[in-house]
Structure formats: C-alpha cells, structure tokens
C-alpha cells in the first residue's frame, strides 16, 4: 500500500490523539465556565521522570487507552522531551508511543508548555493548573481547558491524595462526572 500525503497526515493526527491533540470527545467535555489560570509556579523537576495518567476527559483518540504514562527528560533551559505511551485495551496491551519536543512558555512560571511534533509542524499548548505541594500529582489541561488530565508520580494515588485532587478539580470548575479513570499497572 502506498502512503499518500493524506494518509500520512492522518497517521500523524492519530499519533497526537494520544496526547489529546485534535481530540474529539466521546462524551461532551465540560470545561470550566471561565478559563482558569495556573495557580502556582511549577518547579523544573516536574518536567522530569514518569507521570501516570489517573483521570482524563474522554476523547476519541484515547478511547481504548489504558496504562498511559508520560516520561519527561532532557530538561535544559526550559526545553525538554516527552514520550507518551498508551497501551491499547489493557495496561499491558500493545503500546502506542508518541515522542514530542516541549518547551516552557515565557512568563508562565513553568506552568505553561508547548508540545510539538514533526519539528513544530503540529503543536498544542498545555497548562499545569495546579499540583500537590509534594508534587505527587498535577492537573494539566489544554489551554482552552476543554480537556483535563490528572497525572501522578505513582500508578495509583492514596485515597487521601485522590480525594484532594478530585476536590481540587471541582474547585477549578471541572465536572468529575465526565472523567474517565483508565486502568494502570497494579502496584505492589
């Protein structure tokens, strides 16, 4: 089968779906009534290491995504790399991997980032609206806040951490009724 420009572009768009780019919701997302600004500065170390997806706004591109992680690396002067992995069907299912380049946006106290693929041909702005004081979880959205993700440093949050994060999502104006809670690999 010959790869045409149109089918190549479609493949790129599907890859970005793992990160929520160009996502079409399977359930109507309910963003806050007004766009909420990030609430506090973000330390550079939040852009390193692995983050596990605990909750997200459902979207077609992540419909069958379980065990999702994002691995940040290479932080230097506000630039970094990220690898997003989505396992189809189960936390140990076939992996779909998307590699992106990122940069922190100026005057954002590290709370806003631009993620890009194909040398910047396709990009999306994300905001870290809030994070736990101990940096164990964070709330990330697209700039228009139509899509939200709750990420954690561990595959699962403790009951207290999850309650705190869910309360914070509600305080920021997000409806918990519209969130998906993907499976993660079981912890010991």
C-alpha atoms as a PDB file:
ATOM      1  CA  UNK A   1       0.000   0.000   0.000  1.00  0.00           C
ATOM      2  CA  UNK A   2       1.364   3.402  -0.976  1.00  0.00           C
ATOM      3  CA  UNK A   3       1.437   6.050   1.759  1.00  0.00           C
ATOM      4  CA  UNK A   4      -0.102   9.238   0.400  1.00  0.00           C
ATOM      5  CA  UNK A   5       0.251  12.710   1.886  1.00  0.00           C
ATOM      6  CA  UNK A   6      -3.322  12.497   3.178  1.00  0.00           C
ATOM      7  CA  UNK A   7      -2.851   9.113   4.853  1.00  0.00           C
ATOM      8  CA  UNK A   8       0.486  10.284   6.289  1.00  0.00           C
ATOM      9  CA  UNK A   9      -1.196  13.342   7.777  1.00  0.00           C
ATOM     10  CA  UNK A  10      -3.915  11.130   9.233  1.00  0.00           C
ATOM     11  CA  UNK A  11      -1.299   8.914  10.873  1.00  0.00           C
ATOM     12  CA  UNK A  12       0.295  11.987  12.459  1.00  0.00           C
ATOM     13  CA  UNK A  13      -3.071  13.224  13.725  1.00  0.00           C
ATOM     14  CA  UNK A  14      -3.829   9.811  15.240  1.00  0.00           C
ATOM     15  CA  UNK A  15      -0.460   9.821  16.991  1.00  0.00           C
ATOM     16  CA  UNK A  16      -1.199  13.203  18.528  1.00  0.00           C
ATOM     17  CA  UNK A  17      -4.531  11.884  19.737  1.00  0.00           C
ATOM     18  CA  UNK A  18      -2.657  10.049  22.468  1.00  0.00           C
ATOM     19  CA  UNK A  19      -1.790  13.466  23.886  1.00  0.00           C
ATOM     20  CA  UNK A  20      -5.267  14.878  23.320  1.00  0.00           C
ATOM     21  CA  UNK A  21      -4.321  16.971  20.282  1.00  0.00           C
ATOM     22  CA  UNK A  22      -7.159  17.341  17.871  1.00  0.00           C
ATOM     23  CA  UNK A  23      -9.198  15.098  20.125  1.00  0.00           C
ATOM     24  CA  UNK A  24     -12.884  14.702  19.622  1.00  0.00           C
ATOM     25  CA  UNK A  25     -14.697  13.835  22.781  1.00  0.00           C
ATOM     26  CA  UNK A  26     -16.653  10.614  23.118  1.00  0.00           C
ATOM     27  CA  UNK A  27     -18.571  12.371  25.895  1.00  0.00           C
ATOM     28  CA  UNK A  28     -19.174  16.091  25.892  1.00  0.00           C
ATOM     29  CA  UNK A  29     -16.308  17.726  27.815  1.00  0.00           C
ATOM     30  CA  UNK A  30     -17.394  20.220  30.405  1.00  0.00           C
ATOM     31  CA  UNK A  31     -14.711  22.893  30.723  1.00  0.00           C
ATOM     32  CA  UNK A  32     -14.978  25.477  33.484  1.00  0.00           C
ATOM     33  CA  UNK A  33     -17.341  28.374  32.768  1.00  0.00           C
ATOM     34  CA  UNK A  34     -14.304  30.675  32.575  1.00  0.00           C
ATOM     35  CA  UNK A  35     -10.724  29.803  31.690  1.00  0.00           C
ATOM     36  CA  UNK A  36      -8.771  29.254  34.912  1.00  0.00           C
ATOM     37  CA  UNK A  37      -5.148  30.415  35.099  1.00  0.00           C
ATOM     38  CA  UNK A  38      -2.429  28.232  36.639  1.00  0.00           C
ATOM     39  CA  UNK A  39      -2.481  28.730  40.409  1.00  0.00           C
ATOM     40  CA  UNK A  40       1.193  28.464  41.365  1.00  0.00           C
ATOM     41  CA  UNK A  41       4.696  28.185  39.931  1.00  0.00           C
ATOM     42  CA  UNK A  42       5.862  24.801  38.676  1.00  0.00           C
ATOM     43  CA  UNK A  43       9.295  23.515  39.658  1.00  0.00           C
ATOM     44  CA  UNK A  44      11.522  22.363  36.799  1.00  0.00           C
ATOM     45  CA  UNK A  45      11.683  18.861  38.315  1.00  0.00           C
ATOM     46  CA  UNK A  46       8.033  18.326  37.359  1.00  0.00           C
ATOM     47  CA  UNK A  47       9.341  18.153  33.769  1.00  0.00           C
ATOM     48  CA  UNK A  48      11.496  15.106  34.532  1.00  0.00           C
ATOM     49  CA  UNK A  49      10.633  11.489  35.140  1.00  0.00           C
ATOM     50  CA  UNK A  50       7.490   9.454  34.693  1.00  0.00           C
ATOM     51  CA  UNK A  51       3.914  10.553  35.243  1.00  0.00           C
ATOM     52  CA  UNK A  52       0.952   8.137  35.273  1.00  0.00           C
ATOM     53  CA  UNK A  53      -2.481   9.084  33.961  1.00  0.00           C
ATOM     54  CA  UNK A  54      -5.060   8.754  36.737  1.00  0.00           C
ATOM     55  CA  UNK A  55      -8.036  10.533  35.126  1.00  0.00           C
ATOM     56  CA  UNK A  56      -8.820  12.372  31.893  1.00  0.00           C
ATOM     57  CA  UNK A  57     -11.573  13.925  29.889  1.00  0.00           C
ATOM     58  CA  UNK A  58     -12.700  11.177  27.491  1.00  0.00           C
ATOM     59  CA  UNK A  59     -11.673  11.693  23.898  1.00  0.00           C
ATOM     60  CA  UNK A  60     -11.913   9.501  20.839  1.00  0.00           C
ATOM     61  CA  UNK A  61      -8.169   9.178  20.368  1.00  0.00           C
ATOM     62  CA  UNK A  62      -7.672   7.765  23.887  1.00  0.00           C
ATOM     63  CA  UNK A  63     -10.884   5.723  23.908  1.00  0.00           C
ATOM     64  CA  UNK A  64      -9.126   2.389  24.415  1.00  0.00           C
ATOM     65  CA  UNK A  65      -6.030   3.759  26.164  1.00  0.00           C
ATOM     66  CA  UNK A  66      -5.028   2.132  29.443  1.00  0.00           C
ATOM     67  CA  UNK A  67      -1.841   2.332  31.487  1.00  0.00           C
ATOM     68  CA  UNK A  68      -0.940   5.697  29.952  1.00  0.00           C
ATOM     69  CA  UNK A  69       2.309   7.338  31.026  1.00  0.00           C
ATOM     70  CA  UNK A  70       4.325  10.381  30.041  1.00  0.00           C
ATOM     71  CA  UNK A  71       8.091  10.302  30.525  1.00  0.00           C
ATOM     72  CA  UNK A  72       9.796  13.719  30.594  1.00  0.00           C
ATOM     73  CA  UNK A  73      13.557  14.014  30.048  1.00  0.00           C
ATOM     74  CA  UNK A  74      16.352  16.271  28.845  1.00  0.00           C
ATOM     75  CA  UNK A  75      15.339  19.449  30.704  1.00  0.00           C
ATOM     76  CA  UNK A  76      17.645  22.286  29.642  1.00  0.00           C
ATOM     77  CA  UNK A  77      16.735  25.949  29.825  1.00  0.00           C
ATOM     78  CA  UNK A  78      13.003  25.319  29.593  1.00  0.00           C
ATOM     79  CA  UNK A  79      13.201  22.790  26.737  1.00  0.00           C
ATOM     80  CA  UNK A  80      12.542  19.080  27.231  1.00  0.00           C
ATOM     81  CA  UNK A  81      11.497  15.859  25.527  1.00  0.00           C
ATOM     82  CA  UNK A  82       8.477  13.727  26.341  1.00  0.00           C
ATOM     83  CA  UNK A  83       7.433  10.215  25.423  1.00  0.00           C
ATOM     84  CA  UNK A  84       3.752   9.420  25.867  1.00  0.00           C
ATOM     85  CA  UNK A  85       2.837   5.726  25.970  1.00  0.00           C
ATOM     86  CA  UNK A  86      -0.695   4.385  25.697  1.00  0.00           C
ATOM     87  CA  UNK A  87      -1.490   0.682  25.984  1.00  0.00           C
ATOM     88  CA  UNK A  88      -4.438  -0.432  23.899  1.00  0.00           C
ATOM     89  CA  UNK A  89      -7.153  -2.360  25.729  1.00  0.00           C
ATOM     90  CA  UNK A  90      -5.284  -3.102  28.954  1.00  0.00           C
ATOM     91  CA  UNK A  91      -2.370  -1.682  30.976  1.00  0.00           C
ATOM     92  CA  UNK A  92      -0.153  -4.398  29.493  1.00  0.00           C
ATOM     93  CA  UNK A  93      -1.679  -4.278  25.982  1.00  0.00           C
ATOM     94  CA  UNK A  94       0.151  -3.229  22.800  1.00  0.00           C
ATOM     95  CA  UNK A  95       1.923   0.103  23.265  1.00  0.00           C
ATOM     96  CA  UNK A  96       1.318   3.160  21.119  1.00  0.00           C
ATOM     97  CA  UNK A  97       4.245   5.564  21.619  1.00  0.00           C
ATOM     98  CA  UNK A  98       4.379   9.253  20.699  1.00  0.00           C
ATOM     99  CA  UNK A  99       7.592  11.298  21.034  1.00  0.00           C
ATOM    100  CA  UNK A 100       7.402  15.070  21.308  1.00  0.00           C
ATOM    101  CA  UNK A 101       9.571  18.097  21.960  1.00  0.00           C
ATOM    102  CA  UNK A 102       8.438  20.552  24.579  1.00  0.00           C
ATOM    103  CA  UNK A 103       9.244  23.995  25.817  1.00  0.00           C
ATOM    104  CA  UNK A 104       8.037  26.028  28.737  1.00  0.00           C
ATOM    105  CA  UNK A 105       6.367  29.249  27.636  1.00  0.00           C
ATOM    106  CA  UNK A 106       7.904  32.548  28.776  1.00  0.00           C
ATOM    107  CA  UNK A 107       6.491  34.414  31.764  1.00  0.00           C
ATOM    108  CA  UNK A 108       4.458  31.376  32.873  1.00  0.00           C
ATOM    109  CA  UNK A 109       6.481  30.337  35.962  1.00  0.00           C
ATOM    110  CA  UNK A 110       6.939  26.954  34.188  1.00  0.00           C
ATOM    111  CA  UNK A 111       3.152  26.376  34.309  1.00  0.00           C
ATOM    112  CA  UNK A 112       2.511  26.595  30.548  1.00  0.00           C
ATOM    113  CA  UNK A 113       4.164  24.462  27.895  1.00  0.00           C
ATOM    114  CA  UNK A 114       4.065  23.906  24.162  1.00  0.00           C
ATOM    115  CA  UNK A 115       4.418  20.320  22.931  1.00  0.00           C
ATOM    116  CA  UNK A 116       5.343  19.795  19.279  1.00  0.00           C
ATOM    117  CA  UNK A 117       5.863  17.011  16.796  1.00  0.00           C
ATOM    118  CA  UNK A 118       7.432  16.986  13.342  1.00  0.00           C
ATOM    119  CA  UNK A 119       9.702  19.929  14.061  1.00  0.00           C
ATOM    120  CA  UNK A 120       6.816  22.068  15.263  1.00  0.00           C
ATOM    121  CA  UNK A 121       4.516  21.373  12.320  1.00  0.00           C
ATOM    122  CA  UNK A 122       1.892  20.169  14.795  1.00  0.00           C
ATOM    123  CA  UNK A 123       1.777  21.628  18.297  1.00  0.00           C
ATOM    124  CA  UNK A 124      -0.540  22.117  21.256  1.00  0.00           C
ATOM    125  CA  UNK A 125      -0.353  24.320  24.340  1.00  0.00           C
ATOM    126  CA  UNK A 126      -0.916  22.757  27.772  1.00  0.00           C
ATOM    127  CA  UNK A 127      -1.192  24.308  31.218  1.00  0.00           C
ATOM    128  CA  UNK A 128      -0.420  22.830  34.619  1.00  0.00           C
ATOM    129  CA  UNK A 129      -3.274  24.395  36.575  1.00  0.00           C
ATOM    130  CA  UNK A 130      -2.264  23.047  39.955  1.00  0.00           C
ATOM    131  CA  UNK A 131      -0.163  20.417  41.658  1.00  0.00           C
ATOM    132  CA  UNK A 132       0.173  18.862  45.089  1.00  0.00           C
ATOM    133  CA  UNK A 133       2.541  20.636  47.460  1.00  0.00           C
ATOM    134  CA  UNK A 134       4.713  17.495  47.479  1.00  0.00           C
ATOM    135  CA  UNK A 135       4.472  17.248  43.648  1.00  0.00           C
ATOM    136  CA  UNK A 136       2.892  13.754  43.754  1.00  0.00           C
ATOM    137  CA  UNK A 137       0.057  14.775  41.412  1.00  0.00           C
ATOM    138  CA  UNK A 138      -0.734  17.539  38.953  1.00  0.00           C
ATOM    139  CA  UNK A 139      -3.706  18.790  36.958  1.00  0.00           C
ATOM    140  CA  UNK A 140      -2.944  19.524  33.298  1.00  0.00           C
ATOM    141  CA  UNK A 141      -5.292  20.957  30.663  1.00  0.00           C
ATOM    142  CA  UNK A 142      -5.281  22.133  27.104  1.00  0.00           C
ATOM    143  CA  UNK A 143      -5.092  25.934  27.008  1.00  0.00           C
ATOM    144  CA  UNK A 144      -8.827  26.195  26.257  1.00  0.00           C
ATOM    145  CA  UNK A 145      -9.440  23.750  29.153  1.00  0.00           C
ATOM    146  CA  UNK A 146     -11.732  21.564  27.098  1.00  0.00           C
ATOM    147  CA  UNK A 147      -9.566  18.582  28.087  1.00  0.00           C
ATOM    148  CA  UNK A 148      -8.110  17.862  31.514  1.00  0.00           C
ATOM    149  CA  UNK A 149      -5.763  15.193  32.869  1.00  0.00           C
ATOM    150  CA  UNK A 150      -4.873  14.195  36.418  1.00  0.00           C
ATOM    151  CA  UNK A 151      -1.337  12.792  36.484  1.00  0.00           C
ATOM    152  CA  UNK A 152       0.515  11.149  39.363  1.00  0.00           C
ATOM    153  CA  UNK A 153       4.095  10.162  40.139  1.00  0.00           C
ATOM    154  CA  UNK A 154       2.809   6.686  41.074  1.00  0.00           C
ATOM    155  CA  UNK A 155       0.418   4.347  39.216  1.00  0.00           C
ATOM    156  CA  UNK A 156      -2.198   4.989  41.916  1.00  0.00           C
ATOM    157  CA  UNK A 157      -2.934   7.760  44.388  1.00  0.00           C
ATOM    158  CA  UNK A 158      -3.701   7.047  48.026  1.00  0.00           C
ATOM    159  CA  UNK A 159      -7.349   7.566  48.963  1.00  0.00           C
ATOM    160  CA  UNK A 160      -6.449  10.876  50.641  1.00  0.00           C
ATOM    161  CA  UNK A 161      -4.419  12.091  47.642  1.00  0.00           C
ATOM    162  CA  UNK A 162      -7.182  11.147  45.211  1.00  0.00           C
ATOM    163  CA  UNK A 163      -9.807  12.915  47.339  1.00  0.00           C
ATOM    164  CA  UNK A 164      -7.623  16.035  47.466  1.00  0.00           C
ATOM    165  CA  UNK A 165      -7.044  16.003  43.695  1.00  0.00           C
ATOM    166  CA  UNK A 166     -10.736  15.382  42.894  1.00  0.00           C
ATOM    167  CA  UNK A 167     -11.752  18.210  45.219  1.00  0.00           C
ATOM    168  CA  UNK A 168      -9.244  20.493  43.514  1.00  0.00           C
ATOM    169  CA  UNK A 169     -10.577  19.574  40.058  1.00  0.00           C
ATOM    170  CA  UNK A 170     -14.075  20.524  41.226  1.00  0.00           C
ATOM    171  CA  UNK A 171     -12.813  23.780  42.755  1.00  0.00           C
ATOM    172  CA  UNK A 172     -11.252  24.626  39.384  1.00  0.00           C
ATOM    173  CA  UNK A 173     -14.659  24.114  37.770  1.00  0.00           C
ATOM    174  CA  UNK A 174     -14.288  20.668  36.177  1.00  0.00           C
ATOM    175  CA  UNK A 175     -17.123  18.134  36.337  1.00  0.00           C
ATOM    176  CA  UNK A 176     -15.985  14.819  37.791  1.00  0.00           C
ATOM    177  CA  UNK A 177     -18.974  13.122  36.151  1.00  0.00           C
ATOM    178  CA  UNK A 178     -17.287  13.492  32.764  1.00  0.00           C
ATOM    179  CA  UNK A 179     -13.904  11.995  33.677  1.00  0.00           C
ATOM    180  CA  UNK A 180     -12.549   8.606  32.625  1.00  0.00           C
ATOM    181  CA  UNK A 181     -10.325   6.678  35.030  1.00  0.00           C
ATOM    182  CA  UNK A 182      -8.047   4.454  32.949  1.00  0.00           C
ATOM    183  CA  UNK A 183      -6.510   1.326  34.418  1.00  0.00           C
ATOM    184  CA  UNK A 184      -2.856   1.376  35.447  1.00  0.00           C
ATOM    185  CA  UNK A 185      -0.465  -1.460  36.107  1.00  0.00           C
ATOM    186  CA  UNK A 186      -1.131  -2.808  39.604  1.00  0.00           C
ATOM    187  CA  UNK A 187       1.308  -1.715  42.284  1.00  0.00           C
ATOM    188  CA  UNK A 188       2.743  -3.967  44.963  1.00  0.00           C
END
